[in-house]
Amino acid sequence: MINDTPERYGTVTRFLHWLMAILVVWQLLKLGDRINEGEHWVGQTLVPWHVSVGVLILVLAVIRLIWALKQRPQRPKHVGSRTILIKGGHFLLYAVMILLPITGSLYLLGNGYGVTFFGIELIAKPEGETPWMATVGALHSPLAWILLVLVIGHIGAALYHHFIERDDTLKRIAG
């Protein structure tokens, strides 16, 4: 089943969710690059792909957002006092997943670097530095920490539903 239903997410939603989960965890491993100045396996194997994976996450987040809006009528309706938390949490996750690649690109461009996607030049190296871009791009690191908190909260909410509420929320996305 490709489309979502009130009982279960469809294959497209589940595929996008788990692919993005893997990519976001990959990106969050960049935080470990601050340990020993990248002189470990994370810094040497995963970090060189950070920009490309970030651009991929941006594209997938936009696709996923469009897909989620299209699937909205088939999904269960949230009712009760937790509705604002559910909608707010998902809004923040999407917002941060979209803002992180944008601020990362602005940081690179503002500091005189170009943006490449798996070896393909998307935005050429600028003539010089652009301070306002670098300043806005400096939001990239705080947003990464916010994403980490949101991911932990998202996982915590899923586990709460599974073990405390004992409902099918986690089973809907698990496959």
N, C-alpha and C. Protein backbone atom coordinates (compact mmCIF):
# COMPACT_ATOMS: atom_id res chain seq x y z
N MET A 1 0.84 -1.16 0.00
CA MET A 1 0.00 0.00 0.00
C MET A 1 0.90 1.24 0.00
N ILE A 2 0.71 2.06 -0.99
CA ILE A 2 1.54 3.26 -1.15
C ILE A 2 1.04 4.39 -0.25
N ASN A 3 -0.27 4.61 -0.21
CA ASN A 3 -0.85 5.72 0.54
C ASN A 3 -1.03 5.37 2.01
N ASP A 4 -1.12 6.43 2.83
CA ASP A 4 -1.36 6.27 4.26
C ASP A 4 -2.83 5.94 4.50
N THR A 5 -3.09 5.30 5.62
CA THR A 5 -4.45 5.06 6.10
C THR A 5 -4.48 5.47 7.57
N PRO A 6 -5.67 5.55 8.16
CA PRO A 6 -5.72 5.88 9.59
C PRO A 6 -5.02 4.83 10.47
N GLU A 7 -4.90 3.60 9.97
CA GLU A 7 -4.29 2.52 10.76
C GLU A 7 -2.79 2.37 10.52
N ARG A 8 -2.31 2.81 9.35
CA ARG A 8 -0.92 2.51 9.00
C ARG A 8 -0.39 3.53 7.99
N TYR A 9 0.88 3.88 8.16
CA TYR A 9 1.52 4.72 7.14
C TYR A 9 1.83 3.86 5.93
N GLY A 10 1.73 4.46 4.75
CA GLY A 10 2.03 3.75 3.52
C GLY A 10 3.53 3.60 3.30
N THR A 11 3.89 2.87 2.24
CA THR A 11 5.29 2.58 1.98
C THR A 11 6.12 3.83 1.69
N VAL A 12 5.52 4.79 0.99
CA VAL A 12 6.27 6.02 0.68
C VAL A 12 6.60 6.79 1.96
N THR A 13 5.61 6.96 2.83
CA THR A 13 5.83 7.67 4.09
C THR A 13 6.86 6.95 4.94
N ARG A 14 6.73 5.64 5.05
CA ARG A 14 7.67 4.87 5.88
C ARG A 14 9.07 4.93 5.28
N PHE A 15 9.20 4.79 3.97
CA PHE A 15 10.51 4.86 3.33
C PHE A 15 11.17 6.21 3.58
N LEU A 16 10.42 7.30 3.36
CA LEU A 16 10.98 8.64 3.57
C LEU A 16 11.33 8.86 5.03
N HIS A 17 10.48 8.40 5.94
CA HIS A 17 10.74 8.57 7.38
C HIS A 17 12.05 7.90 7.78
N TRP A 18 12.21 6.62 7.44
CA TRP A 18 13.39 5.88 7.89
C TRP A 18 14.66 6.29 7.15
N LEU A 19 14.54 6.64 5.87
CA LEU A 19 15.71 7.14 5.14
C LEU A 19 16.19 8.44 5.76
N MET A 20 15.25 9.34 6.05
CA MET A 20 15.64 10.62 6.65
C MET A 20 16.15 10.42 8.07
N ALA A 21 15.60 9.45 8.80
CA ALA A 21 16.09 9.16 10.16
C ALA A 21 17.55 8.75 10.10
N ILE A 22 17.89 7.88 9.17
CA ILE A 22 19.28 7.44 9.01
C ILE A 22 20.18 8.62 8.64
N LEU A 23 19.73 9.44 7.69
CA LEU A 23 20.54 10.58 7.25
C LEU A 23 20.69 11.63 8.36
N VAL A 24 19.64 11.86 9.14
CA VAL A 24 19.74 12.83 10.23
C VAL A 24 20.70 12.33 11.30
N VAL A 25 20.62 11.05 11.64
CA VAL A 25 21.58 10.49 12.61
C VAL A 25 23.00 10.63 12.07
N TRP A 26 23.20 10.34 10.78
CA TRP A 26 24.50 10.51 10.14
C TRP A 26 24.98 11.95 10.35
N GLN A 27 24.10 12.91 10.07
CA GLN A 27 24.48 14.31 10.21
C GLN A 27 24.79 14.68 11.65
N LEU A 28 24.01 14.15 12.58
CA LEU A 28 24.24 14.47 13.98
C LEU A 28 25.56 13.90 14.49
N LEU A 29 26.08 12.88 13.82
CA LEU A 29 27.40 12.36 14.19
C LEU A 29 28.49 13.42 13.98
N LYS A 30 28.19 14.43 13.19
CA LYS A 30 29.12 15.55 12.98
C LYS A 30 29.46 16.21 14.30
N LEU A 31 28.52 16.18 15.25
CA LEU A 31 28.79 16.75 16.57
C LEU A 31 29.98 16.06 17.21
N GLY A 32 30.16 14.78 16.92
CA GLY A 32 31.31 14.04 17.42
C GLY A 32 32.61 14.44 16.76
N ASP A 33 32.51 15.14 15.64
CA ASP A 33 33.71 15.60 14.94
C ASP A 33 34.48 16.63 15.77
N ARG A 34 33.82 17.20 16.74
CA ARG A 34 34.47 18.18 17.61
C ARG A 34 35.43 17.52 18.59
N ILE A 35 35.33 16.20 18.72
CA ILE A 35 36.20 15.44 19.62
C ILE A 35 37.50 15.14 18.87
N ASN A 36 38.60 15.42 19.47
CA ASN A 36 39.93 15.18 18.87
C ASN A 36 40.07 15.80 17.48
N GLU A 37 39.37 16.90 17.25
CA GLU A 37 39.46 17.64 15.99
C GLU A 37 39.26 16.75 14.77
N GLY A 38 38.33 15.81 14.86
CA GLY A 38 37.99 14.98 13.72
C GLY A 38 38.94 13.83 13.46
N GLU A 39 39.89 13.59 14.35
CA GLU A 39 40.87 12.53 14.15
C GLU A 39 40.34 11.18 14.66
N HIS A 40 39.24 10.74 14.11
CA HIS A 40 38.64 9.44 14.44
C HIS A 40 37.77 9.04 13.25
N TRP A 41 37.17 7.87 13.31
CA TRP A 41 36.45 7.34 12.14
C TRP A 41 35.30 8.23 11.69
N VAL A 42 34.60 8.90 12.60
CA VAL A 42 33.49 9.77 12.20
C VAL A 42 34.03 10.93 11.36
N GLY A 43 35.05 11.57 11.88
CA GLY A 43 35.63 12.71 11.18
C GLY A 43 36.26 12.35 9.85
N GLN A 44 36.74 11.13 9.73
CA GLN A 44 37.44 10.72 8.51
C GLN A 44 36.54 10.08 7.46
N THR A 45 35.41 9.49 7.88
CA THR A 45 34.57 8.77 6.91
C THR A 45 33.22 9.43 6.65
N LEU A 46 32.57 9.95 7.68
CA LEU A 46 31.22 10.49 7.50
C LEU A 46 31.19 11.99 7.25
N VAL A 47 32.03 12.73 7.95
CA VAL A 47 32.01 14.18 7.87
C VAL A 47 32.29 14.72 6.47
N PRO A 48 33.17 14.12 5.67
CA PRO A 48 33.40 14.66 4.33
C PRO A 48 32.13 14.72 3.47
N TRP A 49 31.12 13.95 3.82
CA TRP A 49 29.86 13.93 3.06
C TRP A 49 28.80 14.83 3.68
N HIS A 50 29.14 15.57 4.71
CA HIS A 50 28.18 16.35 5.49
C HIS A 50 27.36 17.31 4.62
N VAL A 51 28.00 18.06 3.76
CA VAL A 51 27.30 19.04 2.93
C VAL A 51 26.37 18.33 1.95
N SER A 52 26.86 17.29 1.30
CA SER A 52 26.04 16.56 0.32
C SER A 52 24.83 15.92 0.98
N VAL A 53 25.03 15.30 2.13
CA VAL A 53 23.91 14.67 2.84
C VAL A 53 22.93 15.74 3.31
N GLY A 54 23.44 16.89 3.71
CA GLY A 54 22.56 18.00 4.11
C GLY A 54 21.67 18.47 2.97
N VAL A 55 22.24 18.60 1.78
CA VAL A 55 21.45 19.00 0.61
C VAL A 55 20.41 17.92 0.31
N LEU A 56 20.80 16.65 0.42
CA LEU A 56 19.87 15.55 0.20
C LEU A 56 18.72 15.61 1.20
N ILE A 57 19.02 15.89 2.46
CA ILE A 57 17.97 16.01 3.48
C ILE A 57 17.02 17.16 3.13
N LEU A 58 17.55 18.27 2.64
CA LEU A 58 16.69 19.39 2.25
C LEU A 58 15.71 18.96 1.17
N VAL A 59 16.20 18.30 0.15
CA VAL A 59 15.34 17.83 -0.94
C VAL A 59 14.30 16.84 -0.42
N LEU A 60 14.75 15.88 0.38
CA LEU A 60 13.83 14.88 0.93
C LEU A 60 12.81 15.51 1.88
N ALA A 61 13.21 16.51 2.65
CA ALA A 61 12.28 17.17 3.57
C ALA A 61 11.17 17.87 2.80
N VAL A 62 11.53 18.52 1.71
CA VAL A 62 10.51 19.19 0.88
C VAL A 62 9.58 18.16 0.25
N ILE A 63 10.15 17.08 -0.29
CA ILE A 63 9.33 16.01 -0.87
C ILE A 63 8.42 15.41 0.20
N ARG A 64 8.99 15.15 1.35
CA ARG A 64 8.22 14.54 2.44
C ARG A 64 7.11 15.46 2.93
N LEU A 65 7.37 16.75 3.00
CA LEU A 65 6.36 17.71 3.41
C LEU A 65 5.21 17.74 2.40
N ILE A 66 5.53 17.78 1.13
CA ILE A 66 4.49 17.77 0.09
C ILE A 66 3.69 16.48 0.17
N TRP A 67 4.37 15.34 0.34
CA TRP A 67 3.70 14.04 0.45
C TRP A 67 2.79 14.01 1.68
N ALA A 68 3.28 14.52 2.81
CA ALA A 68 2.50 14.51 4.05
C ALA A 68 1.23 15.35 3.89
N LEU A 69 1.34 16.50 3.24
CA LEU A 69 0.16 17.33 3.02
C LEU A 69 -0.84 16.63 2.10
N LYS A 70 -0.34 15.90 1.12
CA LYS A 70 -1.22 15.15 0.22
C LYS A 70 -1.91 14.00 0.96
N GLN A 71 -1.23 13.39 1.92
CA GLN A 71 -1.76 12.25 2.66
C GLN A 71 -2.62 12.66 3.86
N ARG A 72 -2.65 13.93 4.17
CA ARG A 72 -3.34 14.42 5.36
C ARG A 72 -4.77 13.90 5.53
N PRO A 73 -5.59 13.86 4.48
CA PRO A 73 -6.97 13.39 4.67
C PRO A 73 -7.06 11.92 5.11
N GLN A 74 -6.06 11.11 4.75
CA GLN A 74 -6.08 9.69 5.11
C GLN A 74 -5.55 9.41 6.52
N ARG A 75 -4.84 10.34 7.08
CA ARG A 75 -4.20 10.12 8.38
C ARG A 75 -5.20 10.31 9.51
N PRO A 76 -4.93 9.68 10.66
CA PRO A 76 -5.85 9.87 11.79
C PRO A 76 -5.84 11.31 12.28
N LYS A 77 -6.98 11.75 12.76
CA LYS A 77 -7.10 13.11 13.28
C LYS A 77 -6.66 13.11 14.74
N HIS A 78 -5.83 14.09 15.09
CA HIS A 78 -5.39 14.23 16.48
C HIS A 78 -6.44 15.04 17.24
N VAL A 79 -6.84 14.52 18.37
CA VAL A 79 -7.79 15.23 19.21
C VAL A 79 -7.26 15.27 20.64
N GLY A 80 -7.73 16.23 21.38
CA GLY A 80 -7.32 16.30 22.77
C GLY A 80 -6.26 17.33 23.02
N SER A 81 -5.78 17.31 24.25
CA SER A 81 -4.84 18.33 24.70
C SER A 81 -3.44 18.19 24.10
N ARG A 82 -3.12 17.03 23.58
CA ARG A 82 -1.76 16.82 23.03
C ARG A 82 -1.65 17.24 21.56
N THR A 83 -2.75 17.65 20.96
CA THR A 83 -2.74 18.01 19.54
C THR A 83 -1.69 19.08 19.25
N ILE A 84 -1.63 20.09 20.08
CA ILE A 84 -0.68 21.18 19.87
C ILE A 84 0.76 20.68 19.97
N LEU A 85 1.02 19.75 20.87
CA LEU A 85 2.37 19.18 21.00
C LEU A 85 2.73 18.36 19.76
N ILE A 86 1.80 17.57 19.29
CA ILE A 86 2.05 16.71 18.12
C ILE A 86 2.31 17.57 16.89
N LYS A 87 1.39 18.50 16.61
CA LYS A 87 1.54 19.35 15.43
C LYS A 87 2.75 20.27 15.56
N GLY A 88 2.94 20.83 16.75
CA GLY A 88 4.09 21.71 16.97
C GLY A 88 5.41 20.98 16.84
N GLY A 89 5.49 19.77 17.39
CA GLY A 89 6.71 18.98 17.28
C GLY A 89 7.06 18.63 15.85
N HIS A 90 6.04 18.21 15.09
CA HIS A 90 6.30 17.88 13.68
C HIS A 90 6.66 19.12 12.87
N PHE A 91 5.98 20.24 13.16
CA PHE A 91 6.32 21.49 12.47
C PHE A 91 7.77 21.87 12.73
N LEU A 92 8.20 21.79 13.99
CA LEU A 92 9.58 22.15 14.34
C LEU A 92 10.59 21.21 13.67
N LEU A 93 10.27 19.91 13.63
CA LEU A 93 11.18 18.96 12.96
C LEU A 93 11.35 19.33 11.49
N TYR A 94 10.24 19.57 10.79
CA TYR A 94 10.33 19.95 9.37
C TYR A 94 11.07 21.27 9.21
N ALA A 95 10.73 22.26 10.05
CA ALA A 95 11.36 23.57 9.93
C ALA A 95 12.88 23.47 10.10
N VAL A 96 13.31 22.74 11.12
CA VAL A 96 14.76 22.63 11.37
C VAL A 96 15.44 21.83 10.27
N MET A 97 14.79 20.76 9.77
CA MET A 97 15.40 19.97 8.69
C MET A 97 15.54 20.79 7.41
N ILE A 98 14.69 21.79 7.23
CA ILE A 98 14.79 22.67 6.06
C ILE A 98 15.78 23.81 6.32
N LEU A 99 15.75 24.36 7.53
CA LEU A 99 16.64 25.49 7.85
C LEU A 99 18.11 25.10 7.98
N LEU A 100 18.38 23.89 8.45
CA LEU A 100 19.78 23.48 8.62
C LEU A 100 20.58 23.51 7.31
N PRO A 101 20.10 22.90 6.23
CA PRO A 101 20.88 22.98 4.98
C PRO A 101 20.99 24.40 4.43
N ILE A 102 19.95 25.19 4.65
CA ILE A 102 19.99 26.58 4.17
C ILE A 102 21.04 27.37 4.94
N THR A 103 21.02 27.27 6.27
CA THR A 103 22.02 28.01 7.06
C THR A 103 23.42 27.47 6.83
N GLY A 104 23.54 26.15 6.64
CA GLY A 104 24.85 25.58 6.33
C GLY A 104 25.40 26.11 5.02
N SER A 105 24.54 26.21 4.02
CA SER A 105 24.97 26.76 2.72
C SER A 105 25.34 28.23 2.85
N LEU A 106 24.54 28.98 3.61
CA LEU A 106 24.86 30.40 3.81
C LEU A 106 26.20 30.56 4.54
N TYR A 107 26.46 29.68 5.50
CA TYR A 107 27.74 29.74 6.21
C TYR A 107 28.90 29.51 5.25
N LEU A 108 28.77 28.49 4.40
CA LEU A 108 29.84 28.21 3.43
C LEU A 108 30.03 29.38 2.47
N LEU A 109 28.94 29.85 1.88
CA LEU A 109 29.03 30.95 0.91
C LEU A 109 29.55 32.22 1.57
N GLY A 110 29.08 32.49 2.78
CA GLY A 110 29.52 33.69 3.49
C GLY A 110 31.00 33.68 3.82
N ASN A 111 31.57 32.49 3.93
CA ASN A 111 32.99 32.37 4.23
C ASN A 111 33.83 32.08 2.98
N GLY A 112 33.24 32.25 1.81
CA GLY A 112 33.99 32.16 0.57
C GLY A 112 34.11 30.77 -0.04
N TYR A 113 33.24 29.84 0.37
CA TYR A 113 33.26 28.49 -0.20
C TYR A 113 32.02 28.28 -1.06
N GLY A 114 32.11 27.33 -1.98
CA GLY A 114 30.95 26.96 -2.78
C GLY A 114 30.19 25.82 -2.13
N VAL A 115 29.10 25.41 -2.76
CA VAL A 115 28.29 24.29 -2.26
C VAL A 115 28.27 23.20 -3.33
N THR A 116 28.72 22.01 -2.94
CA THR A 116 28.71 20.88 -3.87
C THR A 116 27.80 19.78 -3.34
N PHE A 117 27.27 19.00 -4.26
CA PHE A 117 26.38 17.89 -3.93
C PHE A 117 26.94 16.64 -4.58
N PHE A 118 27.58 15.80 -3.77
CA PHE A 118 28.24 14.58 -4.25
C PHE A 118 29.11 14.87 -5.48
N GLY A 119 29.93 15.91 -5.37
CA GLY A 119 30.89 16.26 -6.42
C GLY A 119 30.35 17.18 -7.49
N ILE A 120 29.07 17.48 -7.49
CA ILE A 120 28.46 18.38 -8.48
C ILE A 120 28.35 19.77 -7.85
N GLU A 121 28.92 20.75 -8.53
CA GLU A 121 28.89 22.10 -8.00
C GLU A 121 27.48 22.68 -8.15
N LEU A 122 26.82 22.95 -7.03
CA LEU A 122 25.49 23.56 -7.05
C LEU A 122 25.58 25.07 -7.04
N ILE A 123 26.46 25.59 -6.18
CA ILE A 123 26.67 27.03 -6.10
C ILE A 123 28.17 27.26 -6.12
N ALA A 124 28.61 28.03 -7.09
CA ALA A 124 30.05 28.27 -7.26
C ALA A 124 30.62 29.07 -6.09
N LYS A 125 31.90 28.90 -5.91
CA LYS A 125 32.63 29.64 -4.88
C LYS A 125 32.50 31.13 -5.20
N PRO A 126 32.06 31.94 -4.22
CA PRO A 126 31.90 33.37 -4.49
C PRO A 126 33.25 34.08 -4.60
N GLU A 127 33.21 35.29 -5.12
CA GLU A 127 34.43 36.09 -5.29
C GLU A 127 35.12 36.37 -3.96
N GLY A 128 34.34 36.60 -2.95
CA GLY A 128 34.92 36.89 -1.63
C GLY A 128 33.95 36.47 -0.54
N GLU A 129 34.24 36.94 0.63
CA GLU A 129 33.37 36.62 1.76
C GLU A 129 32.19 37.58 1.81
N THR A 130 31.07 37.08 2.33
CA THR A 130 29.86 37.90 2.49
C THR A 130 29.45 37.81 3.96
N PRO A 131 29.80 38.83 4.73
CA PRO A 131 29.59 38.77 6.18
C PRO A 131 28.15 38.46 6.61
N TRP A 132 27.14 39.03 5.93
CA TRP A 132 25.77 38.78 6.38
C TRP A 132 25.40 37.32 6.21
N MET A 133 25.90 36.68 5.15
CA MET A 133 25.63 35.25 4.95
C MET A 133 26.29 34.42 6.04
N ALA A 134 27.52 34.77 6.36
CA ALA A 134 28.24 34.05 7.42
C ALA A 134 27.54 34.22 8.76
N THR A 135 27.01 35.42 9.01
CA THR A 135 26.31 35.68 10.28
C THR A 135 25.03 34.85 10.37
N VAL A 136 24.22 34.85 9.32
CA VAL A 136 23.00 34.03 9.31
C VAL A 136 23.38 32.55 9.35
N GLY A 137 24.43 32.20 8.63
CA GLY A 137 24.89 30.82 8.61
C GLY A 137 25.38 30.32 9.95
N ALA A 138 25.78 31.25 10.82
CA ALA A 138 26.24 30.86 12.16
C ALA A 138 25.11 30.25 12.99
N LEU A 139 23.86 30.37 12.54
CA LEU A 139 22.73 29.72 13.22
C LEU A 139 22.74 28.21 12.99
N HIS A 140 23.56 27.74 12.08
CA HIS A 140 23.60 26.32 11.73
C HIS A 140 23.91 25.44 12.94
N SER A 141 24.90 25.79 13.71
CA SER A 141 25.28 24.96 14.86
C SER A 141 24.20 24.94 15.95
N PRO A 142 23.65 26.10 16.36
CA PRO A 142 22.56 26.04 17.35
C PRO A 142 21.35 25.25 16.84
N LEU A 143 21.05 25.37 15.55
CA LEU A 143 19.94 24.59 14.98
C LEU A 143 20.22 23.09 15.05
N ALA A 144 21.49 22.70 14.88
CA ALA A 144 21.84 21.28 14.98
C ALA A 144 21.56 20.76 16.38
N TRP A 145 21.88 21.56 17.39
CA TRP A 145 21.60 21.15 18.77
C TRP A 145 20.09 21.07 19.01
N ILE A 146 19.35 22.01 18.44
CA ILE A 146 17.88 21.97 18.55
C ILE A 146 17.35 20.71 17.89
N LEU A 147 17.90 20.37 16.72
CA LEU A 147 17.47 19.14 16.04
C LEU A 147 17.73 17.92 16.91
N LEU A 148 18.88 17.89 17.56
CA LEU A 148 19.19 16.76 18.45
C LEU A 148 18.13 16.63 19.55
N VAL A 149 17.76 17.75 20.15
CA VAL A 149 16.73 17.73 21.20
C VAL A 149 15.39 17.27 20.63
N LEU A 150 15.04 17.76 19.44
CA LEU A 150 13.78 17.37 18.80
C LEU A 150 13.76 15.88 18.46
N VAL A 151 14.87 15.36 17.97
CA VAL A 151 14.96 13.93 17.65
C VAL A 151 14.80 13.09 18.91
N ILE A 152 15.48 13.48 19.97
CA ILE A 152 15.34 12.75 21.24
C ILE A 152 13.90 12.80 21.73
N GLY A 153 13.27 13.98 21.62
CA GLY A 153 11.87 14.12 22.00
C GLY A 153 10.95 13.27 21.14
N HIS A 154 11.23 13.22 19.84
CA HIS A 154 10.43 12.42 18.90
C HIS A 154 10.52 10.93 19.24
N ILE A 155 11.72 10.48 19.49
CA ILE A 155 11.92 9.07 19.87
C ILE A 155 11.25 8.79 21.22
N GLY A 156 11.42 9.71 22.14
CA GLY A 156 10.80 9.56 23.46
C GLY A 156 9.29 9.49 23.36
N ALA A 157 8.69 10.32 22.51
CA ALA A 157 7.23 10.30 22.34
C ALA A 157 6.78 8.97 21.73
N ALA A 158 7.54 8.47 20.76
CA ALA A 158 7.19 7.18 20.14
C ALA A 158 7.25 6.05 21.18
N LEU A 159 8.30 6.05 21.99
CA LEU A 159 8.43 5.02 23.03
C LEU A 159 7.36 5.18 24.10
N TYR A 160 7.00 6.41 24.43
CA TYR A 160 5.91 6.66 25.39
C TYR A 160 4.61 6.04 24.87
N HIS A 161 4.31 6.30 23.61
CA HIS A 161 3.09 5.72 23.01
C HIS A 161 3.13 4.19 23.06
N HIS A 162 4.29 3.63 22.76
CA HIS A 162 4.40 2.18 22.68
C HIS A 162 4.34 1.51 24.05
N PHE A 163 5.08 2.03 25.02
CA PHE A 163 5.19 1.34 26.30
C PHE A 163 4.23 1.85 27.38
N ILE A 164 3.85 3.11 27.34
CA ILE A 164 2.97 3.66 28.37
C ILE A 164 1.51 3.68 27.89
N GLU A 165 1.29 4.31 26.75
CA GLU A 165 -0.07 4.37 26.20
C GLU A 165 -0.52 3.03 25.62
N ARG A 166 0.45 2.24 25.20
CA ARG A 166 0.20 0.93 24.57
C ARG A 166 -0.76 1.04 23.37
N ASP A 167 -0.51 2.07 22.56
CA ASP A 167 -1.32 2.21 21.34
C ASP A 167 -0.48 1.82 20.12
N ASP A 168 -1.00 1.99 18.94
CA ASP A 168 -0.33 1.53 17.72
C ASP A 168 0.45 2.63 17.00
N THR A 169 0.71 3.74 17.67
CA THR A 169 1.42 4.85 17.03
C THR A 169 2.77 4.40 16.46
N LEU A 170 3.58 3.73 17.24
CA LEU A 170 4.90 3.29 16.77
C LEU A 170 4.76 2.20 15.70
N LYS A 171 3.80 1.34 15.86
CA LYS A 171 3.60 0.26 14.87
C LYS A 171 3.21 0.80 13.50
N ARG A 172 2.53 1.96 13.48
CA ARG A 172 2.09 2.56 12.21
C ARG A 172 3.29 2.91 11.34
N ILE A 173 4.39 3.35 11.93
CA ILE A 173 5.55 3.79 11.16
C ILE A 173 6.62 2.70 11.06
N ALA A 174 6.58 1.74 11.97
CA ALA A 174 7.63 0.71 12.01
C ALA A 174 7.57 -0.26 10.85
N GLY A 175 6.44 -0.40 10.27
CA GLY A 175 6.37 -1.29 9.10
C GLY A 175 5.74 -2.57 9.32
